[in-house]
Amino acid sequence: MGKKKILAVDDDPNMRTFYETVLEDCGFEVRTAEDGLYGTAACQNWKPDLLILDWDMPGGGGKRVFQSIRQLLRIPVPVLFVTGMQGDLDVDLTLDRVSILRKPIEVERLLTGIYFLLR
């Protein structure tokens, strides 16, 4: 079995670099996208095993990307939403393999969330 593929969609270039560095060092194959449009296209073409979505991005944010991808792929790709926002997010956490991680992100918490969703 090959490396697990993770697509990280975030408008912050520092976060994209962080995900690439940390996750490649842990043996994952990683791609990044800077917005929902590129993220949706990358997901369709590359078919990742897990998505990391920034909740608050220009153009609709992670929720819109999540809805598009779930409709397009018709497969519940695990999703880890990342946010700096406080309070409840408008996402149904009872959905299959969906989780939220609050910023600032600690590497250990990120990896724990990823391994939990990939189980």
PDB file of N, CA and C in Angstrom:
ATOM      1  N   MET A   1       0.849  -1.178   0.000  1.00  0.00           N
ATOM      2  CA  MET A   1       0.000   0.000   0.000  1.00  0.00           C
ATOM      3  C   MET A   1       0.892   1.238   0.000  1.00  0.00           C
ATOM      4  N   GLY A   2       0.593   2.220  -0.854  1.00  0.00           N
ATOM      5  CA  GLY A   2       1.412   3.420  -0.976  1.00  0.00           C
ATOM      6  C   GLY A   2       1.161   4.409   0.141  1.00  0.00           C
ATOM      7  N   LYS A   3       1.818   5.510   0.015  1.00  0.00           N
ATOM      8  CA  LYS A   3       1.661   6.587   0.993  1.00  0.00           C
ATOM      9  C   LYS A   3       0.242   7.120   0.952  1.00  0.00           C
ATOM     10  N   LYS A   4      -0.266   7.508   2.118  1.00  0.00           N
ATOM     11  CA  LYS A   4      -1.565   8.169   2.184  1.00  0.00           C
ATOM     12  C   LYS A   4      -1.412   9.573   1.620  1.00  0.00           C
ATOM     13  N   LYS A   5      -2.432  10.013   0.871  1.00  0.00           N
ATOM     14  CA  LYS A   5      -2.396  11.311   0.211  1.00  0.00           C
ATOM     15  C   LYS A   5      -3.257  12.314   0.984  1.00  0.00           C
ATOM     16  N   ILE A   6      -2.659  13.468   1.274  1.00  0.00           N
ATOM     17  CA  ILE A   6      -3.364  14.528   1.990  1.00  0.00           C
ATOM     18  C   ILE A   6      -3.330  15.795   1.155  1.00  0.00           C
ATOM     19  N   LEU A   7      -4.509  16.387   0.983  1.00  0.00           N
ATOM     20  CA  LEU A   7      -4.639  17.676   0.310  1.00  0.00           C
ATOM     21  C   LEU A   7      -4.978  18.722   1.360  1.00  0.00           C
ATOM     22  N   ALA A   8      -4.144  19.750   1.470  1.00  0.00           N
ATOM     23  CA  ALA A   8      -4.373  20.844   2.414  1.00  0.00           C
ATOM     24  C   ALA A   8      -4.760  22.096   1.631  1.00  0.00           C
ATOM     25  N   VAL A   9      -5.928  22.641   1.927  1.00  0.00           N
ATOM     26  CA  VAL A   9      -6.418  23.831   1.243  1.00  0.00           C
ATOM     27  C   VAL A   9      -6.446  24.972   2.249  1.00  0.00           C
ATOM     28  N   ASP A  10      -5.599  25.978   2.006  1.00  0.00           N
ATOM     29  CA  ASP A  10      -5.478  27.114   2.923  1.00  0.00           C
ATOM     30  C   ASP A  10      -4.977  28.319   2.139  1.00  0.00           C
ATOM     31  N   ASP A  11      -5.554  29.484   2.401  1.00  0.00           N
ATOM     32  CA  ASP A  11      -5.134  30.686   1.679  1.00  0.00           C
ATOM     33  C   ASP A  11      -3.835  31.278   2.228  1.00  0.00           C
ATOM     34  N   ASP A  12      -3.377  30.810   3.365  1.00  0.00           N
ATOM     35  CA  ASP A  12      -2.152  31.304   3.986  1.00  0.00           C
ATOM     36  C   ASP A  12      -0.952  30.482   3.486  1.00  0.00           C
ATOM     37  N   PRO A  13      -0.018  31.105   2.753  1.00  0.00           N
ATOM     38  CA  PRO A  13       1.133  30.349   2.234  1.00  0.00           C
ATOM     39  C   PRO A  13       1.999  29.743   3.332  1.00  0.00           C
ATOM     40  N   ASN A  14       2.063  30.380   4.487  1.00  0.00           N
ATOM     41  CA  ASN A  14       2.839  29.816   5.601  1.00  0.00           C
ATOM     42  C   ASN A  14       2.219  28.523   6.114  1.00  0.00           C
ATOM     43  N   MET A  15       0.890  28.472   6.140  1.00  0.00           N
ATOM     44  CA  MET A  15       0.213  27.246   6.576  1.00  0.00           C
ATOM     45  C   MET A  15       0.424  26.131   5.557  1.00  0.00           C
ATOM     46  N   ARG A  16       0.366  26.466   4.278  1.00  0.00           N
ATOM     47  CA  ARG A  16       0.592  25.436   3.254  1.00  0.00           C
ATOM     48  C   ARG A  16       1.998  24.854   3.383  1.00  0.00           C
ATOM     49  N   THR A  17       2.982  25.713   3.612  1.00  0.00           N
ATOM     50  CA  THR A  17       4.355  25.253   3.806  1.00  0.00           C
ATOM     51  C   THR A  17       4.462  24.389   5.064  1.00  0.00           C
ATOM     52  N   PHE A  18       3.809  24.807   6.130  1.00  0.00           N
ATOM     53  CA  PHE A  18       3.786  24.042   7.381  1.00  0.00           C
ATOM     54  C   PHE A  18       3.245  22.634   7.130  1.00  0.00           C
ATOM     55  N   TYR A  19       2.095  22.544   6.464  1.00  0.00           N
ATOM     56  CA  TYR A  19       1.507  21.230   6.191  1.00  0.00           C
ATOM     57  C   TYR A  19       2.442  20.370   5.340  1.00  0.00           C
ATOM     58  N   GLU A  20       3.001  20.948   4.292  1.00  0.00           N
ATOM     59  CA  GLU A  20       3.907  20.184   3.431  1.00  0.00           C
ATOM     60  C   GLU A  20       5.094  19.643   4.223  1.00  0.00           C
ATOM     61  N   THR A  21       5.716  20.489   4.997  1.00  0.00           N
ATOM     62  CA  THR A  21       6.912  20.106   5.750  1.00  0.00           C
ATOM     63  C   THR A  21       6.603  19.018   6.770  1.00  0.00           C
ATOM     64  N   VAL A  22       5.624  19.278   7.612  1.00  0.00           N
ATOM     65  CA  VAL A  22       5.301  18.342   8.696  1.00  0.00           C
ATOM     66  C   VAL A  22       4.805  17.013   8.146  1.00  0.00           C
ATOM     67  N   LEU A  23       3.889  17.058   7.210  1.00  0.00           N
ATOM     68  CA  LEU A  23       3.259  15.822   6.747  1.00  0.00           C
ATOM     69  C   LEU A  23       4.176  14.994   5.849  1.00  0.00           C
ATOM     70  N   GLU A  24       4.989  15.643   5.018  1.00  0.00           N
ATOM     71  CA  GLU A  24       5.953  14.884   4.221  1.00  0.00           C
ATOM     72  C   GLU A  24       6.989  14.219   5.124  1.00  0.00           C
ATOM     73  N   ASP A  25       7.402  14.909   6.188  1.00  0.00           N
ATOM     74  CA  ASP A  25       8.344  14.321   7.149  1.00  0.00           C
ATOM     75  C   ASP A  25       7.747  13.103   7.840  1.00  0.00           C
ATOM     76  N   CYS A  26       6.421  13.034   7.909  1.00  0.00           N
ATOM     77  CA  CYS A  26       5.736  11.901   8.551  1.00  0.00           C
ATOM     78  C   CYS A  26       5.369  10.806   7.551  1.00  0.00           C
ATOM     79  N   GLY A  27       5.805  10.976   6.306  1.00  0.00           N
ATOM     80  CA  GLY A  27       5.603   9.922   5.321  1.00  0.00           C
ATOM     81  C   GLY A  27       4.355  10.044   4.460  1.00  0.00           C
ATOM     82  N   PHE A  28       3.653  11.157   4.533  1.00  0.00           N
ATOM     83  CA  PHE A  28       2.475  11.353   3.696  1.00  0.00           C
ATOM     84  C   PHE A  28       2.880  11.982   2.373  1.00  0.00           C
ATOM     85  N   GLU A  29       2.081  11.735   1.347  1.00  0.00           N
ATOM     86  CA  GLU A  29       2.208  12.450   0.081  1.00  0.00           C
ATOM     87  C   GLU A  29       1.280  13.653   0.201  1.00  0.00           C
ATOM     88  N   VAL A  30       1.806  14.852  -0.014  1.00  0.00           N
ATOM     89  CA  VAL A  30       1.052  16.070   0.276  1.00  0.00           C
ATOM     90  C   VAL A  30       0.969  16.972  -0.950  1.00  0.00           C
ATOM     91  N   ARG A  31      -0.201  17.514  -1.147  1.00  0.00           N
ATOM     92  CA  ARG A  31      -0.405  18.591  -2.116  1.00  0.00           C
ATOM     93  C   ARG A  31      -1.172  19.691  -1.408  1.00  0.00           C
ATOM     94  N   THR A  32      -1.005  20.903  -1.901  1.00  0.00           N
ATOM     95  CA  THR A  32      -1.712  22.032  -1.300  1.00  0.00           C
ATOM     96  C   THR A  32      -2.434  22.824  -2.385  1.00  0.00           C
ATOM     97  N   ALA A  33      -3.421  23.584  -1.937  1.00  0.00           N
ATOM     98  CA  ALA A  33      -4.159  24.480  -2.815  1.00  0.00           C
ATOM     99  C   ALA A  33      -4.439  25.758  -2.043  1.00  0.00           C
ATOM    100  N   GLU A  34      -4.448  26.880  -2.765  1.00  0.00           N
ATOM    101  CA  GLU A  34      -4.575  28.182  -2.110  1.00  0.00           C
ATOM    102  C   GLU A  34      -6.006  28.662  -1.938  1.00  0.00           C
ATOM    103  N   ASP A  35      -6.956  27.998  -2.589  1.00  0.00           N
ATOM    104  CA  ASP A  35      -8.348  28.405  -2.421  1.00  0.00           C
ATOM    105  C   ASP A  35      -9.273  27.249  -2.782  1.00  0.00           C
ATOM    106  N   GLY A  36     -10.563  27.501  -2.614  1.00  0.00           N
ATOM    107  CA  GLY A  36     -11.546  26.457  -2.843  1.00  0.00           C
ATOM    108  C   GLY A  36     -11.613  25.952  -4.272  1.00  0.00           C
ATOM    109  N   LEU A  37     -11.433  26.839  -5.225  1.00  0.00           N
ATOM    110  CA  LEU A  37     -11.486  26.448  -6.628  1.00  0.00           C
ATOM    111  C   LEU A  37     -10.377  25.453  -6.961  1.00  0.00           C
ATOM    112  N   TYR A  38      -9.142  25.806  -6.593  1.00  0.00           N
ATOM    113  CA  TYR A  38      -8.013  24.897  -6.830  1.00  0.00           C
ATOM    114  C   TYR A  38      -8.132  23.632  -5.980  1.00  0.00           C
ATOM    115  N   GLY A  39      -8.644  23.784  -4.769  1.00  0.00           N
ATOM    116  CA  GLY A  39      -8.804  22.633  -3.889  1.00  0.00           C
ATOM    117  C   GLY A  39      -9.786  21.619  -4.447  1.00  0.00           C
ATOM    118  N   THR A  40     -10.904  22.106  -4.963  1.00  0.00           N
ATOM    119  CA  THR A  40     -11.906  21.212  -5.532  1.00  0.00           C
ATOM    120  C   THR A  40     -11.355  20.497  -6.764  1.00  0.00           C
ATOM    121  N   ALA A  41     -10.667  21.234  -7.628  1.00  0.00           N
ATOM    122  CA  ALA A  41     -10.069  20.629  -8.826  1.00  0.00           C
ATOM    123  C   ALA A  41      -9.010  19.591  -8.442  1.00  0.00           C
ATOM    124  N   ALA A  42      -8.158  19.934  -7.480  1.00  0.00           N
ATOM    125  CA  ALA A  42      -7.108  19.001  -7.045  1.00  0.00           C
ATOM    126  C   ALA A  42      -7.713  17.747  -6.448  1.00  0.00           C
ATOM    127  N   CYS A  43      -8.790  17.905  -5.724  1.00  0.00           N
ATOM    128  CA  CYS A  43      -9.444  16.754  -5.105  1.00  0.00           C
ATOM    129  C   CYS A  43     -10.028  15.824  -6.170  1.00  0.00           C
ATOM    130  N   GLN A  44     -10.647  16.403  -7.181  1.00  0.00           N
ATOM    131  CA  GLN A  44     -11.215  15.591  -8.264  1.00  0.00           C
ATOM    132  C   GLN A  44     -10.130  14.843  -9.027  1.00  0.00           C
ATOM    133  N   ASN A  45      -9.028  15.521  -9.324  1.00  0.00           N
ATOM    134  CA  ASN A  45      -7.977  14.934 -10.146  1.00  0.00           C
ATOM    135  C   ASN A  45      -7.058  13.989  -9.381  1.00  0.00           C
ATOM    136  N   TRP A  46      -6.796  14.296  -8.124  1.00  0.00           N
ATOM    137  CA  TRP A  46      -5.777  13.573  -7.374  1.00  0.00           C
ATOM    138  C   TRP A  46      -6.361  12.537  -6.416  1.00  0.00           C
ATOM    139  N   LYS A  47      -7.596  12.725  -5.986  1.00  0.00           N
ATOM    140  CA  LYS A  47      -8.309  11.809  -5.083  1.00  0.00           C
ATOM    141  C   LYS A  47      -7.542  11.529  -3.786  1.00  0.00           C
ATOM    142  N   PRO A  48      -7.403  12.544  -2.933  1.00  0.00           N
ATOM    143  CA  PRO A  48      -6.673  12.360  -1.672  1.00  0.00           C
ATOM    144  C   PRO A  48      -7.417  11.447  -0.702  1.00  0.00           C
ATOM    145  N   ASP A  49      -6.668  10.919   0.254  1.00  0.00           N
ATOM    146  CA  ASP A  49      -7.246  10.087   1.311  1.00  0.00           C
ATOM    147  C   ASP A  49      -7.812  10.934   2.440  1.00  0.00           C
ATOM    148  N   LEU A  50      -7.371  12.201   2.521  1.00  0.00           N
ATOM    149  CA  LEU A  50      -7.819  13.099   3.587  1.00  0.00           C
ATOM    150  C   LEU A  50      -7.662  14.543   3.111  1.00  0.00           C
ATOM    151  N   LEU A  51      -8.589  15.392   3.547  1.00  0.00           N
ATOM    152  CA  LEU A  51      -8.531  16.818   3.258  1.00  0.00           C
ATOM    153  C   LEU A  51      -8.317  17.603   4.536  1.00  0.00           C
ATOM    154  N   ILE A  52      -7.468  18.604   4.463  1.00  0.00           N
ATOM    155  CA  ILE A  52      -7.355  19.593   5.532  1.00  0.00           C
ATOM    156  C   ILE A  52      -7.875  20.885   4.922  1.00  0.00           C
ATOM    157  N   LEU A  53      -8.932  21.437   5.508  1.00  0.00           N
ATOM    158  CA  LEU A  53      -9.570  22.631   4.956  1.00  0.00           C
ATOM    159  C   LEU A  53      -9.562  23.769   5.955  1.00  0.00           C
ATOM    160  N   ASP A  54      -9.037  24.910   5.531  1.00  0.00           N
ATOM    161  CA  ASP A  54      -9.140  26.122   6.322  1.00  0.00           C
ATOM    162  C   ASP A  54     -10.609  26.542   6.294  1.00  0.00           C
ATOM    163  N   TRP A  55     -11.174  26.798   7.439  1.00  0.00           N
ATOM    164  CA  TRP A  55     -12.591  27.143   7.515  1.00  0.00           C
ATOM    165  C   TRP A  55     -12.879  28.500   6.886  1.00  0.00           C
ATOM    166  N   ASP A  56     -12.001  29.461   7.129  1.00  0.00           N
ATOM    167  CA  ASP A  56     -12.265  30.841   6.726  1.00  0.00           C
ATOM    168  C   ASP A  56     -11.330  31.260   5.603  1.00  0.00           C
ATOM    169  N   MET A  57     -11.756  30.997   4.361  1.00  0.00           N
ATOM    170  CA  MET A  57     -10.977  31.377   3.183  1.00  0.00           C
ATOM    171  C   MET A  57     -11.844  32.252   2.291  1.00  0.00           C
ATOM    172  N   PRO A  58     -11.218  33.099   1.484  1.00  0.00           N
ATOM    173  CA  PRO A  58     -11.993  33.853   0.492  1.00  0.00           C
ATOM    174  C   PRO A  58     -12.716  32.895  -0.459  1.00  0.00           C
ATOM    175  N   GLY A  59     -13.860  33.308  -0.923  1.00  0.00           N
ATOM    176  CA  GLY A  59     -14.593  32.494  -1.891  1.00  0.00           C
ATOM    177  C   GLY A  59     -15.438  31.409  -1.277  1.00  0.00           C
ATOM    178  N   GLY A  60     -15.842  31.555  -0.026  1.00  0.00           N
ATOM    179  CA  GLY A  60     -16.754  30.583   0.562  1.00  0.00           C
ATOM    180  C   GLY A  60     -16.167  29.729   1.653  1.00  0.00           C
ATOM    181  N   GLY A  61     -14.875  29.635   1.724  1.00  0.00           N
ATOM    182  CA  GLY A  61     -14.239  28.906   2.811  1.00  0.00           C
ATOM    183  C   GLY A  61     -14.362  27.403   2.708  1.00  0.00           C
ATOM    184  N   GLY A  62     -13.895  26.781   3.784  1.00  0.00           N
ATOM    185  CA  GLY A  62     -13.824  25.330   3.837  1.00  0.00           C
ATOM    186  C   GLY A  62     -15.157  24.634   3.740  1.00  0.00           C
ATOM    187  N   LYS A  63     -16.213  25.260   4.280  1.00  0.00           N
ATOM    188  CA  LYS A  63     -17.525  24.612   4.229  1.00  0.00           C
ATOM    189  C   LYS A  63     -17.990  24.449   2.784  1.00  0.00           C
ATOM    190  N   ARG A  64     -17.802  25.475   1.967  1.00  0.00           N
ATOM    191  CA  ARG A  64     -18.214  25.382   0.565  1.00  0.00           C
ATOM    192  C   ARG A  64     -17.388  24.334  -0.176  1.00  0.00           C
ATOM    193  N   VAL A  65     -16.086  24.299   0.066  1.00  0.00           N
ATOM    194  CA  VAL A  65     -15.227  23.286  -0.565  1.00  0.00           C
ATOM    195  C   VAL A  65     -15.680  21.895  -0.147  1.00  0.00           C
ATOM    196  N   PHE A  66     -15.939  21.730   1.133  1.00  0.00           N
ATOM    197  CA  PHE A  66     -16.396  20.453   1.682  1.00  0.00           C
ATOM    198  C   PHE A  66     -17.669  19.988   0.973  1.00  0.00           C
ATOM    199  N   GLN A  67     -18.652  20.875   0.862  1.00  0.00           N
ATOM    200  CA  GLN A  67     -19.917  20.510   0.225  1.00  0.00           C
ATOM    201  C   GLN A  67     -19.713  20.143  -1.240  1.00  0.00           C
ATOM    202  N   SER A  68     -18.895  20.911  -1.943  1.00  0.00           N
ATOM    203  CA  SER A  68     -18.628  20.629  -3.363  1.00  0.00           C
ATOM    204  C   SER A  68     -17.954  19.278  -3.534  1.00  0.00           C
ATOM    205  N   ILE A  69     -16.961  19.028  -2.724  1.00  0.00           N
ATOM    206  CA  ILE A  69     -16.201  17.787  -2.857  1.00  0.00           C
ATOM    207  C   ILE A  69     -17.041  16.568  -2.513  1.00  0.00           C
ATOM    208  N   ARG A  70     -17.805  16.669  -1.465  1.00  0.00           N
ATOM    209  CA  ARG A  70     -18.653  15.528  -1.100  1.00  0.00           C
ATOM    210  C   ARG A  70     -19.675  15.234  -2.203  1.00  0.00           C
ATOM    211  N   GLN A  71     -20.203  16.276  -2.855  1.00  0.00           N
ATOM    212  CA  GLN A  71     -21.156  16.065  -3.949  1.00  0.00           C
ATOM    213  C   GLN A  71     -20.461  15.509  -5.183  1.00  0.00           C
ATOM    214  N   LEU A  72     -19.294  16.048  -5.526  1.00  0.00           N
ATOM    215  CA  LEU A  72     -18.581  15.615  -6.729  1.00  0.00           C
ATOM    216  C   LEU A  72     -18.069  14.184  -6.618  1.00  0.00           C
ATOM    217  N   LEU A  73     -17.448  13.880  -5.504  1.00  0.00           N
ATOM    218  CA  LEU A  73     -16.828  12.566  -5.359  1.00  0.00           C
ATOM    219  C   LEU A  73     -17.800  11.492  -4.899  1.00  0.00           C
ATOM    220  N   ARG A  74     -18.869  11.907  -4.245  1.00  0.00           N
ATOM    221  CA  ARG A  74     -19.865  10.977  -3.699  1.00  0.00           C
ATOM    222  C   ARG A  74     -19.230   9.949  -2.755  1.00  0.00           C
ATOM    223  N   ILE A  75     -18.104  10.329  -2.193  1.00  0.00           N
ATOM    224  CA  ILE A  75     -17.402   9.474  -1.229  1.00  0.00           C
ATOM    225  C   ILE A  75     -17.078  10.348  -0.031  1.00  0.00           C
ATOM    226  N   PRO A  76     -17.318   9.870   1.163  1.00  0.00           N
ATOM    227  CA  PRO A  76     -17.024  10.688   2.347  1.00  0.00           C
ATOM    228  C   PRO A  76     -15.525  10.762   2.659  1.00  0.00           C
ATOM    229  N   VAL A  77     -14.797  11.559   1.879  1.00  0.00           N
ATOM    230  CA  VAL A  77     -13.377  11.773   2.141  1.00  0.00           C
ATOM    231  C   VAL A  77     -13.251  12.388   3.535  1.00  0.00           C
ATOM    232  N   PRO A  78     -12.395  11.853   4.397  1.00  0.00           N
ATOM    233  CA  PRO A  78     -12.228  12.445   5.725  1.00  0.00           C
ATOM    234  C   PRO A  78     -11.768  13.901   5.615  1.00  0.00           C
ATOM    235  N   VAL A  79     -12.329  14.755   6.469  1.00  0.00           N
ATOM    236  CA  VAL A  79     -12.019  16.180   6.429  1.00  0.00           C
ATOM    237  C   VAL A  79     -11.660  16.673   7.822  1.00  0.00           C
ATOM    238  N   LEU A  80     -10.526  17.351   7.893  1.00  0.00           N
ATOM    239  CA  LEU A  80     -10.103  18.023   9.114  1.00  0.00           C
ATOM    240  C   LEU A  80     -10.192  19.523   8.846  1.00  0.00           C
ATOM    241  N   PHE A  81     -11.206  20.162   9.436  1.00  0.00           N
ATOM    242  CA  PHE A  81     -11.335  21.610   9.322  1.00  0.00           C
ATOM    243  C   PHE A  81     -10.379  22.260  10.308  1.00  0.00           C
ATOM    244  N   VAL A  82      -9.696  23.309   9.865  1.00  0.00           N
ATOM    245  CA  VAL A  82      -8.789  24.059  10.718  1.00  0.00           C
ATOM    246  C   VAL A  82      -9.298  25.489  10.787  1.00  0.00           C
ATOM    247  N   THR A  83      -9.372  26.039  12.003  1.00  0.00           N
ATOM    248  CA  THR A  83      -9.898  27.387  12.145  1.00  0.00           C
ATOM    249  C   THR A  83      -9.261  28.124  13.314  1.00  0.00           C
ATOM    250  N   GLY A  84      -9.191  29.420  13.158  1.00  0.00           N
ATOM    251  CA  GLY A  84      -8.778  30.292  14.246  1.00  0.00           C
ATOM    252  C   GLY A  84      -9.987  30.938  14.903  1.00  0.00           C
ATOM    253  N   MET A  85     -11.171  30.673  14.353  1.00  0.00           N
ATOM    254  CA  MET A  85     -12.406  31.250  14.891  1.00  0.00           C
ATOM    255  C   MET A  85     -12.778  30.574  16.205  1.00  0.00           C
ATOM    256  N   GLN A  86     -13.356  31.356  17.073  1.00  0.00           N
ATOM    257  CA  GLN A  86     -13.865  30.808  18.334  1.00  0.00           C
ATOM    258  C   GLN A  86     -15.346  30.509  18.171  1.00  0.00           C
ATOM    259  N   GLY A  87     -15.864  29.694  19.036  1.00  0.00           N
ATOM    260  CA  GLY A  87     -17.285  29.367  18.980  1.00  0.00           C
ATOM    261  C   GLY A  87     -17.554  28.200  18.049  1.00  0.00           C
ATOM    262  N   ASP A  88     -18.827  27.917  17.886  1.00  0.00           N
ATOM    263  CA  ASP A  88     -19.247  26.779  17.076  1.00  0.00           C
ATOM    264  C   ASP A  88     -19.160  27.100  15.589  1.00  0.00           C
ATOM    265  N   LEU A  89     -18.766  26.109  14.825  1.00  0.00           N
ATOM    266  CA  LEU A  89     -18.767  26.226  13.377  1.00  0.00           C
ATOM    267  C   LEU A  89     -20.047  25.595  12.848  1.00  0.00           C
ATOM    268  N   ASP A  90     -20.502  26.078  11.737  1.00  0.00           N
ATOM    269  CA  ASP A  90     -21.714  25.562  11.113  1.00  0.00           C
ATOM    270  C   ASP A  90     -21.389  24.325  10.283  1.00  0.00           C
ATOM    271  N   VAL A  91     -21.028  23.261  10.989  1.00  0.00           N
ATOM    272  CA  VAL A  91     -20.720  21.998  10.315  1.00  0.00           C
ATOM    273  C   VAL A  91     -21.289  20.862  11.158  1.00  0.00           C
ATOM    274  N   ASP A  92     -21.823  19.880  10.502  1.00  0.00           N
ATOM    275  CA  ASP A  92     -22.430  18.741  11.171  1.00  0.00           C
ATOM    276  C   ASP A  92     -21.335  17.731  11.511  1.00  0.00           C
ATOM    277  N   LEU A  93     -20.950  17.717  12.773  1.00  0.00           N
ATOM    278  CA  LEU A  93     -19.879  16.817  13.200  1.00  0.00           C
ATOM    279  C   LEU A  93     -20.329  15.366  13.316  1.00  0.00           C
ATOM    280  N   THR A  94     -21.610  15.105  13.076  1.00  0.00           N
ATOM    281  CA  THR A  94     -22.060  13.718  13.070  1.00  0.00           C
ATOM    282  C   THR A  94     -21.801  13.073  11.708  1.00  0.00           C
ATOM    283  N   LEU A  95     -21.406  13.893  10.727  1.00  0.00           N
ATOM    284  CA  LEU A  95     -21.067  13.337   9.421  1.00  0.00           C
ATOM    285  C   LEU A  95     -19.864  12.417   9.550  1.00  0.00           C
ATOM    286  N   ASP A  96     -19.790  11.458   8.670  1.00  0.00           N
ATOM    287  CA  ASP A  96     -18.718  10.477   8.703  1.00  0.00           C
ATOM    288  C   ASP A  96     -17.352  11.120   8.511  1.00  0.00           C
ATOM    289  N   ARG A  97     -16.478  10.929   9.466  1.00  0.00           N
ATOM    290  CA  ARG A  97     -15.068  11.322   9.417  1.00  0.00           C
ATOM    291  C   ARG A  97     -14.855  12.811   9.143  1.00  0.00           C
ATOM    292  N   VAL A  98     -15.456  13.631   9.999  1.00  0.00           N
ATOM    293  CA  VAL A  98     -15.275  15.077   9.957  1.00  0.00           C
ATOM    294  C   VAL A  98     -14.848  15.524  11.344  1.00  0.00           C
ATOM    295  N   SER A  99     -13.813  16.370  11.401  1.00  0.00           N
ATOM    296  CA  SER A  99     -13.289  16.831  12.678  1.00  0.00           C
ATOM    297  C   SER A  99     -12.842  18.285  12.553  1.00  0.00           C
ATOM    298  N   ILE A 100     -12.673  18.957  13.698  1.00  0.00           N
ATOM    299  CA  ILE A 100     -12.244  20.354  13.734  1.00  0.00           C
ATOM    300  C   ILE A 100     -11.000  20.471  14.601  1.00  0.00           C
ATOM    301  N   LEU A 101     -10.033  21.253  14.129  1.00  0.00           N
ATOM    302  CA  LEU A 101      -8.815  21.550  14.870  1.00  0.00           C
ATOM    303  C   LEU A 101      -8.687  23.064  14.970  1.00  0.00           C
ATOM    304  N   ARG A 102      -8.507  23.555  16.173  1.00  0.00           N
ATOM    305  CA  ARG A 102      -8.400  25.001  16.401  1.00  0.00           C
ATOM    306  C   ARG A 102      -6.945  25.450  16.317  1.00  0.00           C
ATOM    307  N   LYS A 103      -6.763  26.650  15.742  1.00  0.00           N
ATOM    308  CA  LYS A 103      -5.444  27.275  15.699  1.00  0.00           C
ATOM    309  C   LYS A 103      -5.175  27.946  17.029  1.00  0.00           C
ATOM    310  N   PRO A 104      -3.948  28.074  17.453  1.00  0.00           N
ATOM    311  CA  PRO A 104      -2.728  27.666  16.754  1.00  0.00           C
ATOM    312  C   PRO A 104      -2.578  26.141  16.761  1.00  0.00           C
ATOM    313  N   ILE A 105      -1.991  25.637  15.714  1.00  0.00           N
ATOM    314  CA  ILE A 105      -1.874  24.194  15.525  1.00  0.00           C
ATOM    315  C   ILE A 105      -0.570  23.683  16.113  1.00  0.00           C
ATOM    316  N   GLU A 106      -0.699  22.671  16.932  1.00  0.00           N
ATOM    317  CA  GLU A 106       0.467  21.959  17.456  1.00  0.00           C
ATOM    318  C   GLU A 106       0.625  20.698  16.614  1.00  0.00           C
ATOM    319  N   VAL A 107       1.829  20.367  16.259  1.00  0.00           N
ATOM    320  CA  VAL A 107       2.097  19.228  15.381  1.00  0.00           C
ATOM    321  C   VAL A 107       1.462  17.953  15.932  1.00  0.00           C
ATOM    322  N   GLU A 108       1.618  17.711  17.209  1.00  0.00           N
ATOM    323  CA  GLU A 108       1.084  16.479  17.807  1.00  0.00           C
ATOM    324  C   GLU A 108      -0.437  16.399  17.651  1.00  0.00           C
ATOM    325  N   ARG A 109      -1.132  17.508  17.885  1.00  0.00           N
ATOM    326  CA  ARG A 109      -2.597  17.524  17.746  1.00  0.00           C
ATOM    327  C   ARG A 109      -3.007  17.333  16.282  1.00  0.00           C
ATOM    328  N   LEU A 110      -2.246  17.942  15.356  1.00  0.00           N
ATOM    329  CA  LEU A 110      -2.525  17.774  13.939  1.00  0.00           C
ATOM    330  C   LEU A 110      -2.419  16.304  13.549  1.00  0.00           C
ATOM    331  N   LEU A 111      -1.315  15.673  13.930  1.00  0.00           N
ATOM    332  CA  LEU A 111      -1.104  14.271  13.572  1.00  0.00           C
ATOM    333  C   LEU A 111      -2.121  13.350  14.235  1.00  0.00           C
ATOM    334  N   THR A 112      -2.463  13.633  15.479  1.00  0.00           N
ATOM    335  CA  THR A 112      -3.486  12.838  16.162  1.00  0.00           C
ATOM    336  C   THR A 112      -4.804  12.915  15.408  1.00  0.00           C
ATOM    337  N   GLY A 113      -5.182  14.120  14.990  1.00  0.00           N
ATOM    338  CA  GLY A 113      -6.417  14.297  14.230  1.00  0.00           C
ATOM    339  C   GLY A 113      -6.392  13.563  12.901  1.00  0.00           C
ATOM    340  N   ILE A 114      -5.265  13.619  12.220  1.00  0.00           N
ATOM    341  CA  ILE A 114      -5.125  12.940  10.930  1.00  0.00           C
ATOM    342  C   ILE A 114      -5.213  11.430  11.093  1.00  0.00           C
ATOM    343  N   TYR A 115      -4.450  10.881  12.029  1.00  0.00           N
ATOM    344  CA  TYR A 115      -4.461   9.430  12.215  1.00  0.00           C
ATOM    345  C   TYR A 115      -5.841   8.948  12.665  1.00  0.00           C
ATOM    346  N   PHE A 116      -6.526   9.750  13.466  1.00  0.00           N
ATOM    347  CA  PHE A 116      -7.890   9.384  13.900  1.00  0.00           C
ATOM    348  C   PHE A 116      -8.819   9.294  12.690  1.00  0.00           C
ATOM    349  N   LEU A 117      -8.755  10.292  11.806  1.00  0.00           N
ATOM    350  CA  LEU A 117      -9.641  10.305  10.644  1.00  0.00           C
ATOM    351  C   LEU A 117      -9.290   9.229   9.614  1.00  0.00           C
ATOM    352  N   LEU A 118      -8.037   8.839   9.541  1.00  0.00           N
ATOM    353  CA  LEU A 118      -7.606   7.812   8.573  1.00  0.00           C
ATOM    354  C   LEU A 118      -7.791   6.387   9.069  1.00  0.00           C
ATOM    355  N   ARG A 119      -8.183   6.229  10.291  1.00  0.00           N
ATOM    356  CA  ARG A 119      -8.297   4.875  10.878  1.00  0.00           C
ATOM    357  C   ARG A 119      -9.202   3.967  10.094  1.00  0.00           C
TER     358      ARG A 119
END
